[in-house]
Amino acid sequence: MSLLKATLPKIEFIPWLQHAPEAYVWVCFTAAAASAAPYYRGEEGNGQDENDDWTSFIITPMPVITAMDSAELRLLREGWAYLRWLRGKY
């Protein structure tokens, strides 16, 4: 997770925005759910603050979401629905 956390913000998001914005949001939100999984299951984490990992993965796709999303916020709503589904919180 630490490698993914360090790498995702360094990836240029313009190509993602132009070609696959939904995939970029999917990758980031999947990482957010995975980083928070031990915390939500009541397990011990790796000694790092899971909230920091969670937050960084949620913040990373925001430039793509804000540039891509319409007034209906479709991409953001779908992203949050997917994240809730991953976390088992329908």
PDB file of N, CA and C in Angstrom:
ATOM      1  N   MET A   1       0.824  -1.187   0.000  1.00  0.00           N
ATOM      2  CA  MET A   1       0.000   0.000   0.000  1.00  0.00           C
ATOM      3  C   MET A   1       0.870   1.254   0.000  1.00  0.00           C
ATOM      4  N   SER A   2       1.992   1.188   0.702  1.00  0.00           N
ATOM      5  CA  SER A   2       2.831   2.386   0.764  1.00  0.00           C
ATOM      6  C   SER A   2       3.395   2.741  -0.610  1.00  0.00           C
ATOM      7  N   LEU A   3       3.738   1.731  -1.405  1.00  0.00           N
ATOM      8  CA  LEU A   3       4.235   1.997  -2.760  1.00  0.00           C
ATOM      9  C   LEU A   3       3.133   2.610  -3.625  1.00  0.00           C
ATOM     10  N   LEU A   4       1.937   2.072  -3.525  1.00  0.00           N
ATOM     11  CA  LEU A   4       0.807   2.620  -4.281  1.00  0.00           C
ATOM     12  C   LEU A   4       0.495   4.044  -3.830  1.00  0.00           C
ATOM     13  N   LYS A   5       0.549   4.271  -2.517  1.00  0.00           N
ATOM     14  CA  LYS A   5       0.289   5.608  -1.975  1.00  0.00           C
ATOM     15  C   LYS A   5       1.313   6.620  -2.487  1.00  0.00           C
ATOM     16  N   ALA A   6       2.556   6.193  -2.617  1.00  0.00           N
ATOM     17  CA  ALA A   6       3.605   7.092  -3.101  1.00  0.00           C
ATOM     18  C   ALA A   6       3.552   7.280  -4.616  1.00  0.00           C
ATOM     19  N   THR A   7       3.111   6.269  -5.343  1.00  0.00           N
ATOM     20  CA  THR A   7       3.148   6.304  -6.805  1.00  0.00           C
ATOM     21  C   THR A   7       1.952   7.005  -7.437  1.00  0.00           C
ATOM     22  N   LEU A   8       0.749   6.746  -6.951  1.00  0.00           N
ATOM     23  CA  LEU A   8      -0.452   7.315  -7.586  1.00  0.00           C
ATOM     24  C   LEU A   8      -0.412   8.832  -7.745  1.00  0.00           C
ATOM     25  N   PRO A   9      -0.025   9.595  -6.728  1.00  0.00           N
ATOM     26  CA  PRO A   9      -0.002  11.049  -6.920  1.00  0.00           C
ATOM     27  C   PRO A   9       1.044  11.525  -7.935  1.00  0.00           C
ATOM     28  N   LYS A  10       2.049  10.695  -8.216  1.00  0.00           N
ATOM     29  CA  LYS A  10       3.103  11.076  -9.158  1.00  0.00           C
ATOM     30  C   LYS A  10       2.715  10.817 -10.613  1.00  0.00           C
ATOM     31  N   ILE A  11       1.669  10.029 -10.820  1.00  0.00           N
ATOM     32  CA  ILE A  11       1.237   9.702 -12.180  1.00  0.00           C
ATOM     33  C   ILE A  11       0.479  10.893 -12.757  1.00  0.00           C
ATOM     34  N   GLU A  12       0.851  11.286 -13.948  1.00  0.00           N
ATOM     35  CA  GLU A  12       0.181  12.391 -14.629  1.00  0.00           C
ATOM     36  C   GLU A  12      -1.277  12.020 -14.874  1.00  0.00           C
ATOM     37  N   PHE A  13      -2.191  12.849 -14.402  1.00  0.00           N
ATOM     38  CA  PHE A  13      -3.606  12.493 -14.498  1.00  0.00           C
ATOM     39  C   PHE A  13      -4.273  12.944 -15.797  1.00  0.00           C
ATOM     40  N   ILE A  14      -3.611  13.771 -16.597  1.00  0.00           N
ATOM     41  CA  ILE A  14      -4.214  14.251 -17.848  1.00  0.00           C
ATOM     42  C   ILE A  14      -4.550  13.099 -18.805  1.00  0.00           C
ATOM     43  N   PRO A  15      -3.634  12.144 -19.047  1.00  0.00           N
ATOM     44  CA  PRO A  15      -4.022  11.020 -19.914  1.00  0.00           C
ATOM     45  C   PRO A  15      -5.199  10.217 -19.355  1.00  0.00           C
ATOM     46  N   TRP A  16      -5.238  10.051 -18.034  1.00  0.00           N
ATOM     47  CA  TRP A  16      -6.381   9.370 -17.421  1.00  0.00           C
ATOM     48  C   TRP A  16      -7.657  10.168 -17.689  1.00  0.00           C
ATOM     49  N   LEU A  17      -7.573  11.459 -17.536  1.00  0.00           N
ATOM     50  CA  LEU A  17      -8.732  12.324 -17.750  1.00  0.00           C
ATOM     51  C   LEU A  17      -9.224  12.218 -19.190  1.00  0.00           C
ATOM     52  N   GLN A  18      -8.292  12.165 -20.129  1.00  0.00           N
ATOM     53  CA  GLN A  18      -8.654  12.126 -21.543  1.00  0.00           C
ATOM     54  C   GLN A  18      -9.167  10.760 -22.001  1.00  0.00           C
ATOM     55  N   HIS A  19      -8.642   9.696 -21.406  1.00  0.00           N
ATOM     56  CA  HIS A  19      -8.923   8.367 -21.946  1.00  0.00           C
ATOM     57  C   HIS A  19      -9.703   7.431 -21.021  1.00  0.00           C
ATOM     58  N   ALA A  20      -9.534   7.558 -19.718  1.00  0.00           N
ATOM     59  CA  ALA A  20     -10.186   6.590 -18.816  1.00  0.00           C
ATOM     60  C   ALA A  20     -10.393   7.178 -17.421  1.00  0.00           C
ATOM     61  N   PRO A  21     -11.178   8.249 -17.299  1.00  0.00           N
ATOM     62  CA  PRO A  21     -11.351   8.853 -15.971  1.00  0.00           C
ATOM     63  C   PRO A  21     -12.014   7.906 -14.973  1.00  0.00           C
ATOM     64  N   GLU A  22     -12.952   7.090 -15.440  1.00  0.00           N
ATOM     65  CA  GLU A  22     -13.620   6.152 -14.538  1.00  0.00           C
ATOM     66  C   GLU A  22     -12.635   5.130 -13.990  1.00  0.00           C
ATOM     67  N   ALA A  23     -11.703   4.683 -14.829  1.00  0.00           N
ATOM     68  CA  ALA A  23     -10.704   3.708 -14.387  1.00  0.00           C
ATOM     69  C   ALA A  23      -9.785   4.309 -13.325  1.00  0.00           C
ATOM     70  N   TYR A  24      -9.409   5.560 -13.503  1.00  0.00           N
ATOM     71  CA  TYR A  24      -8.545   6.236 -12.525  1.00  0.00           C
ATOM     72  C   TYR A  24      -9.249   6.344 -11.176  1.00  0.00           C
ATOM     73  N   VAL A  25     -10.511   6.725 -11.190  1.00  0.00           N
ATOM     74  CA  VAL A  25     -11.290   6.812  -9.951  1.00  0.00           C
ATOM     75  C   VAL A  25     -11.419   5.425  -9.339  1.00  0.00           C
ATOM     76  N   TRP A  26     -11.653   4.420 -10.168  1.00  0.00           N
ATOM     77  CA  TRP A  26     -11.779   3.047  -9.686  1.00  0.00           C
ATOM     78  C   TRP A  26     -10.500   2.599  -8.985  1.00  0.00           C
ATOM     79  N   VAL A  27      -9.346   2.845  -9.595  1.00  0.00           N
ATOM     80  CA  VAL A  27      -8.066   2.459  -8.990  1.00  0.00           C
ATOM     81  C   VAL A  27      -7.882   3.148  -7.640  1.00  0.00           C
ATOM     82  N   CYS A  28      -8.113   4.446  -7.591  1.00  0.00           N
ATOM     83  CA  CYS A  28      -7.903   5.204  -6.352  1.00  0.00           C
ATOM     84  C   CYS A  28      -8.881   4.795  -5.256  1.00  0.00           C
ATOM     85  N   PHE A  29     -10.139   4.612  -5.596  1.00  0.00           N
ATOM     86  CA  PHE A  29     -11.129   4.242  -4.578  1.00  0.00           C
ATOM     87  C   PHE A  29     -10.953   2.793  -4.126  1.00  0.00           C
ATOM     88  N   THR A  30     -10.500   1.909  -5.026  1.00  0.00           N
ATOM     89  CA  THR A  30     -10.192   0.540  -4.616  1.00  0.00           C
ATOM     90  C   THR A  30      -9.028   0.544  -3.631  1.00  0.00           C
ATOM     91  N   ALA A  31      -8.021   1.353  -3.901  1.00  0.00           N
ATOM     92  CA  ALA A  31      -6.890   1.473  -2.974  1.00  0.00           C
ATOM     93  C   ALA A  31      -7.341   2.038  -1.632  1.00  0.00           C
ATOM     94  N   ALA A  32      -8.251   3.006  -1.657  1.00  0.00           N
ATOM     95  CA  ALA A  32      -8.767   3.576  -0.404  1.00  0.00           C
ATOM     96  C   ALA A  32      -9.467   2.509   0.420  1.00  0.00           C
ATOM     97  N   ALA A  33     -10.304   1.714  -0.223  1.00  0.00           N
ATOM     98  CA  ALA A  33     -11.016   0.653   0.495  1.00  0.00           C
ATOM     99  C   ALA A  33     -10.042  -0.389   1.030  1.00  0.00           C
ATOM    100  N   ALA A  34      -9.042  -0.741   0.234  1.00  0.00           N
ATOM    101  CA  ALA A  34      -8.060  -1.735   0.675  1.00  0.00           C
ATOM    102  C   ALA A  34      -7.219  -1.214   1.833  1.00  0.00           C
ATOM    103  N   SER A  35      -6.879   0.061   1.802  1.00  0.00           N
ATOM    104  CA  SER A  35      -6.054   0.609   2.887  1.00  0.00           C
ATOM    105  C   SER A  35      -6.835   0.716   4.183  1.00  0.00           C
ATOM    106  N   ALA A  36      -8.136   0.886   4.086  1.00  0.00           N
ATOM    107  CA  ALA A  36      -8.968   1.004   5.284  1.00  0.00           C
ATOM    108  C   ALA A  36      -9.482  -0.346   5.763  1.00  0.00           C
ATOM    109  N   ALA A  37      -9.330  -1.400   4.973  1.00  0.00           N
ATOM    110  CA  ALA A  37      -9.911  -2.703   5.307  1.00  0.00           C
ATOM    111  C   ALA A  37      -9.498  -3.230   6.675  1.00  0.00           C
ATOM    112  N   PRO A  38      -8.207  -3.262   7.045  1.00  0.00           N
ATOM    113  CA  PRO A  38      -7.862  -3.775   8.375  1.00  0.00           C
ATOM    114  C   PRO A  38      -8.485  -2.943   9.495  1.00  0.00           C
ATOM    115  N   TYR A  39      -8.535  -1.650   9.304  1.00  0.00           N
ATOM    116  CA  TYR A  39      -9.103  -0.757  10.311  1.00  0.00           C
ATOM    117  C   TYR A  39     -10.579  -1.062  10.534  1.00  0.00           C
ATOM    118  N   TYR A  40     -11.317  -1.268   9.447  1.00  0.00           N
ATOM    119  CA  TYR A  40     -12.752  -1.502   9.560  1.00  0.00           C
ATOM    120  C   TYR A  40     -13.087  -2.918  10.008  1.00  0.00           C
ATOM    121  N   ARG A  41     -12.143  -3.841   9.840  1.00  0.00           N
ATOM    122  CA  ARG A  41     -12.365  -5.201  10.329  1.00  0.00           C
ATOM    123  C   ARG A  41     -11.923  -5.347  11.777  1.00  0.00           C
ATOM    124  N   GLY A  42     -11.367  -4.291  12.363  1.00  0.00           N
ATOM    125  CA  GLY A  42     -10.911  -4.347  13.741  1.00  0.00           C
ATOM    126  C   GLY A  42      -9.565  -5.023  13.896  1.00  0.00           C
ATOM    127  N   GLU A  43      -8.821  -5.154  12.810  1.00  0.00           N
ATOM    128  CA  GLU A  43      -7.510  -5.789  12.851  1.00  0.00           C
ATOM    129  C   GLU A  43      -6.440  -4.744  13.075  1.00  0.00           C
ATOM    130  N   GLU A  44      -5.283  -5.239  13.430  1.00  0.00           N
ATOM    131  CA  GLU A  44      -4.134  -4.355  13.561  1.00  0.00           C
ATOM    132  C   GLU A  44      -3.672  -3.947  12.173  1.00  0.00           C
ATOM    133  N   GLY A  45      -3.321  -2.709  12.044  1.00  0.00           N
ATOM    134  CA  GLY A  45      -2.772  -2.235  10.779  1.00  0.00           C
ATOM    135  C   GLY A  45      -1.280  -2.465  10.738  1.00  0.00           C
ATOM    136  N   ASN A  46      -0.597  -1.755   9.887  1.00  0.00           N
ATOM    137  CA  ASN A  46       0.841  -1.914   9.748  1.00  0.00           C
ATOM    138  C   ASN A  46       1.604  -0.888  10.571  1.00  0.00           C
ATOM    139  N   GLY A  47       0.938  -0.255  11.509  1.00  0.00           N
ATOM    140  CA  GLY A  47       1.603   0.736  12.339  1.00  0.00           C
ATOM    141  C   GLY A  47       1.442   2.144  11.825  1.00  0.00           C
ATOM    142  N   GLN A  48       0.970   2.277  10.602  1.00  0.00           N
ATOM    143  CA  GLN A  48       0.730   3.603  10.050  1.00  0.00           C
ATOM    144  C   GLN A  48      -0.704   3.994  10.347  1.00  0.00           C
ATOM    145  N   ASP A  49      -0.988   5.243  10.182  1.00  0.00           N
ATOM    146  CA  ASP A  49      -2.350   5.721  10.396  1.00  0.00           C
ATOM    147  C   ASP A  49      -3.181   5.415   9.152  1.00  0.00           C
ATOM    148  N   GLU A  50      -4.139   4.502   9.284  1.00  0.00           N
ATOM    149  CA  GLU A  50      -4.970   4.120   8.146  1.00  0.00           C
ATOM    150  C   GLU A  50      -5.752   5.301   7.591  1.00  0.00           C
ATOM    151  N   ASN A  51      -6.102   6.253   8.452  1.00  0.00           N
ATOM    152  CA  ASN A  51      -6.835   7.426   7.973  1.00  0.00           C
ATOM    153  C   ASN A  51      -6.002   8.239   6.997  1.00  0.00           C
ATOM    154  N   ASP A  52      -4.686   8.292   7.205  1.00  0.00           N
ATOM    155  CA  ASP A  52      -3.818   8.997   6.261  1.00  0.00           C
ATOM    156  C   ASP A  52      -3.834   8.319   4.897  1.00  0.00           C
ATOM    157  N   ASP A  53      -3.750   6.979   4.889  1.00  0.00           N
ATOM    158  CA  ASP A  53      -3.800   6.242   3.625  1.00  0.00           C
ATOM    159  C   ASP A  53      -5.142   6.445   2.945  1.00  0.00           C
ATOM    160  N   TRP A  54      -6.196   6.294   3.708  1.00  0.00           N
ATOM    161  CA  TRP A  54      -7.563   6.463   3.202  1.00  0.00           C
ATOM    162  C   TRP A  54      -7.716   7.833   2.551  1.00  0.00           C
ATOM    163  N   THR A  55      -7.324   8.860   3.280  1.00  0.00           N
ATOM    164  CA  THR A  55      -7.472  10.236   2.802  1.00  0.00           C
ATOM    165  C   THR A  55      -6.659  10.482   1.540  1.00  0.00           C
ATOM    166  N   SER A  56      -5.429  10.010   1.509  1.00  0.00           N
ATOM    167  CA  SER A  56      -4.596  10.267   0.329  1.00  0.00           C
ATOM    168  C   SER A  56      -5.180   9.608  -0.917  1.00  0.00           C
ATOM    169  N   PHE A  57      -5.734   8.408  -0.774  1.00  0.00           N
ATOM    170  CA  PHE A  57      -6.322   7.736  -1.932  1.00  0.00           C
ATOM    171  C   PHE A  57      -7.629   8.384  -2.372  1.00  0.00           C
ATOM    172  N   ILE A  58      -8.346   9.005  -1.459  1.00  0.00           N
ATOM    173  CA  ILE A  58      -9.581   9.701  -1.813  1.00  0.00           C
ATOM    174  C   ILE A  58      -9.268  11.038  -2.489  1.00  0.00           C
ATOM    175  N   ILE A  59      -8.247  11.719  -2.022  1.00  0.00           N
ATOM    176  CA  ILE A  59      -7.891  13.036  -2.562  1.00  0.00           C
ATOM    177  C   ILE A  59      -7.242  12.923  -3.947  1.00  0.00           C
ATOM    178  N   THR A  60      -6.489  11.868  -4.189  1.00  0.00           N
ATOM    179  CA  THR A  60      -5.735  11.730  -5.440  1.00  0.00           C
ATOM    180  C   THR A  60      -6.582  11.909  -6.700  1.00  0.00           C
ATOM    181  N   PRO A  61      -7.773  11.295  -6.831  1.00  0.00           N
ATOM    182  CA  PRO A  61      -8.515  11.444  -8.091  1.00  0.00           C
ATOM    183  C   PRO A  61      -9.361  12.713  -8.188  1.00  0.00           C
ATOM    184  N   MET A  62      -9.338  13.561  -7.185  1.00  0.00           N
ATOM    185  CA  MET A  62     -10.223  14.729  -7.198  1.00  0.00           C
ATOM    186  C   MET A  62     -10.007  15.667  -8.390  1.00  0.00           C
ATOM    187  N   PRO A  63      -8.771  15.903  -8.853  1.00  0.00           N
ATOM    188  CA  PRO A  63      -8.639  16.744 -10.056  1.00  0.00           C
ATOM    189  C   PRO A  63      -9.350  16.147 -11.270  1.00  0.00           C
ATOM    190  N   VAL A  64      -9.292  14.839 -11.412  1.00  0.00           N
ATOM    191  CA  VAL A  64      -9.976  14.178 -12.527  1.00  0.00           C
ATOM    192  C   VAL A  64     -11.484  14.270 -12.342  1.00  0.00           C
ATOM    193  N   ILE A  65     -11.943  14.029 -11.122  1.00  0.00           N
ATOM    194  CA  ILE A  65     -13.382  14.074 -10.854  1.00  0.00           C
ATOM    195  C   ILE A  65     -13.934  15.470 -11.099  1.00  0.00           C
ATOM    196  N   THR A  66     -13.258  16.488 -10.596  1.00  0.00           N
ATOM    197  CA  THR A  66     -13.779  17.848 -10.754  1.00  0.00           C
ATOM    198  C   THR A  66     -13.696  18.324 -12.203  1.00  0.00           C
ATOM    199  N   ALA A  67     -12.670  17.908 -12.937  1.00  0.00           N
ATOM    200  CA  ALA A  67     -12.552  18.311 -14.338  1.00  0.00           C
ATOM    201  C   ALA A  67     -13.543  17.568 -15.224  1.00  0.00           C
ATOM    202  N   MET A  68     -13.856  16.353 -14.869  1.00  0.00           N
ATOM    203  CA  MET A  68     -14.683  15.499 -15.716  1.00  0.00           C
ATOM    204  C   MET A  68     -16.165  15.608 -15.397  1.00  0.00           C
ATOM    205  N   ASP A  69     -16.476  15.787 -14.136  1.00  0.00           N
ATOM    206  CA  ASP A  69     -17.855  15.641 -13.692  1.00  0.00           C
ATOM    207  C   ASP A  69     -18.751  16.770 -14.169  1.00  0.00           C
ATOM    208  N   SER A  70     -19.974  16.398 -14.431  1.00  0.00           N
ATOM    209  CA  SER A  70     -20.992  17.354 -14.850  1.00  0.00           C
ATOM    210  C   SER A  70     -21.693  17.918 -13.625  1.00  0.00           C
ATOM    211  N   ALA A  71     -22.700  18.700 -13.857  1.00  0.00           N
ATOM    212  CA  ALA A  71     -23.464  19.283 -12.753  1.00  0.00           C
ATOM    213  C   ALA A  71     -24.160  18.207 -11.926  1.00  0.00           C
ATOM    214  N   GLU A  72     -24.411  17.048 -12.526  1.00  0.00           N
ATOM    215  CA  GLU A  72     -25.074  15.963 -11.801  1.00  0.00           C
ATOM    216  C   GLU A  72     -24.113  15.180 -10.909  1.00  0.00           C
ATOM    217  N   LEU A  73     -22.826  15.438 -11.039  1.00  0.00           N
ATOM    218  CA  LEU A  73     -21.795  14.758 -10.252  1.00  0.00           C
ATOM    219  C   LEU A  73     -21.852  13.239 -10.418  1.00  0.00           C
ATOM    220  N   ARG A  74     -22.102  12.789 -11.631  1.00  0.00           N
ATOM    221  CA  ARG A  74     -22.244  11.364 -11.908  1.00  0.00           C
ATOM    222  C   ARG A  74     -21.013  10.559 -11.503  1.00  0.00           C
ATOM    223  N   LEU A  75     -19.842  11.011 -11.910  1.00  0.00           N
ATOM    224  CA  LEU A  75     -18.611  10.276 -11.620  1.00  0.00           C
ATOM    225  C   LEU A  75     -18.357  10.198 -10.118  1.00  0.00           C
ATOM    226  N   LEU A  76     -18.582  11.282  -9.422  1.00  0.00           N
ATOM    227  CA  LEU A  76     -18.379  11.286  -7.976  1.00  0.00           C
ATOM    228  C   LEU A  76     -19.388  10.379  -7.280  1.00  0.00           C
ATOM    229  N   ARG A  77     -20.639  10.459  -7.681  1.00  0.00           N
ATOM    230  CA  ARG A  77     -21.678   9.605  -7.067  1.00  0.00           C
ATOM    231  C   ARG A  77     -21.399   8.122  -7.320  1.00  0.00           C
ATOM    232  N   GLU A  78     -21.016   7.784  -8.536  1.00  0.00           N
ATOM    233  CA  GLU A  78     -20.691   6.393  -8.843  1.00  0.00           C
ATOM    234  C   GLU A  78     -19.468   5.936  -8.062  1.00  0.00           C
ATOM    235  N   GLY A  79     -18.487   6.818  -7.930  1.00  0.00           N
ATOM    236  CA  GLY A  79     -17.289   6.483  -7.162  1.00  0.00           C
ATOM    237  C   GLY A  79     -17.602   6.205  -5.701  1.00  0.00           C
ATOM    238  N   TRP A  80     -18.421   7.052  -5.092  1.00  0.00           N
ATOM    239  CA  TRP A  80     -18.794   6.847  -3.685  1.00  0.00           C
ATOM    240  C   TRP A  80     -19.633   5.592  -3.523  1.00  0.00           C
ATOM    241  N   ALA A  81     -20.535   5.328  -4.461  1.00  0.00           N
ATOM    242  CA  ALA A  81     -21.352   4.107  -4.388  1.00  0.00           C
ATOM    243  C   ALA A  81     -20.459   2.871  -4.467  1.00  0.00           C
ATOM    244  N   TYR A  82     -19.472   2.915  -5.354  1.00  0.00           N
ATOM    245  CA  TYR A  82     -18.522   1.809  -5.487  1.00  0.00           C
ATOM    246  C   TYR A  82     -17.724   1.633  -4.202  1.00  0.00           C
ATOM    247  N   LEU A  83     -17.265   2.722  -3.629  1.00  0.00           N
ATOM    248  CA  LEU A  83     -16.482   2.662  -2.396  1.00  0.00           C
ATOM    249  C   LEU A  83     -17.312   2.093  -1.250  1.00  0.00           C
ATOM    250  N   ARG A  84     -18.552   2.536  -1.125  1.00  0.00           N
ATOM    251  CA  ARG A  84     -19.440   1.981  -0.089  1.00  0.00           C
ATOM    252  C   ARG A  84     -19.655   0.485  -0.306  1.00  0.00           C
ATOM    253  N   TRP A  85     -19.829   0.084  -1.563  1.00  0.00           N
ATOM    254  CA  TRP A  85     -20.015  -1.326  -1.873  1.00  0.00           C
ATOM    255  C   TRP A  85     -18.780  -2.132  -1.469  1.00  0.00           C
ATOM    256  N   LEU A  86     -17.591  -1.623  -1.791  1.00  0.00           N
ATOM    257  CA  LEU A  86     -16.356  -2.316  -1.422  1.00  0.00           C
ATOM    258  C   LEU A  86     -16.229  -2.480   0.085  1.00  0.00           C
ATOM    259  N   ARG A  87     -16.651  -1.479   0.804  1.00  0.00           N
ATOM    260  CA  ARG A  87     -16.546  -1.517   2.265  1.00  0.00           C
ATOM    261  C   ARG A  87     -17.699  -2.282   2.903  1.00  0.00           C
ATOM    262  N   GLY A  88     -18.652  -2.732   2.088  1.00  0.00           N
ATOM    263  CA  GLY A  88     -19.771  -3.498   2.608  1.00  0.00           C
ATOM    264  C   GLY A  88     -20.803  -2.658   3.315  1.00  0.00           C
ATOM    265  N   LYS A  89     -20.847  -1.359   2.990  1.00  0.00           N
ATOM    266  CA  LYS A  89     -21.798  -0.442   3.608  1.00  0.00           C
ATOM    267  C   LYS A  89     -22.727   0.076   2.526  1.00  0.00           C
ATOM    268  N   TYR A  90     -23.747  -0.641   2.245  1.00  0.00           N
ATOM    269  CA  TYR A  90     -24.680  -0.300   1.179  1.00  0.00           C
ATOM    270  C   TYR A  90     -25.464   0.861   1.621  1.00  0.00           C
TER     271      TYR A  90
END
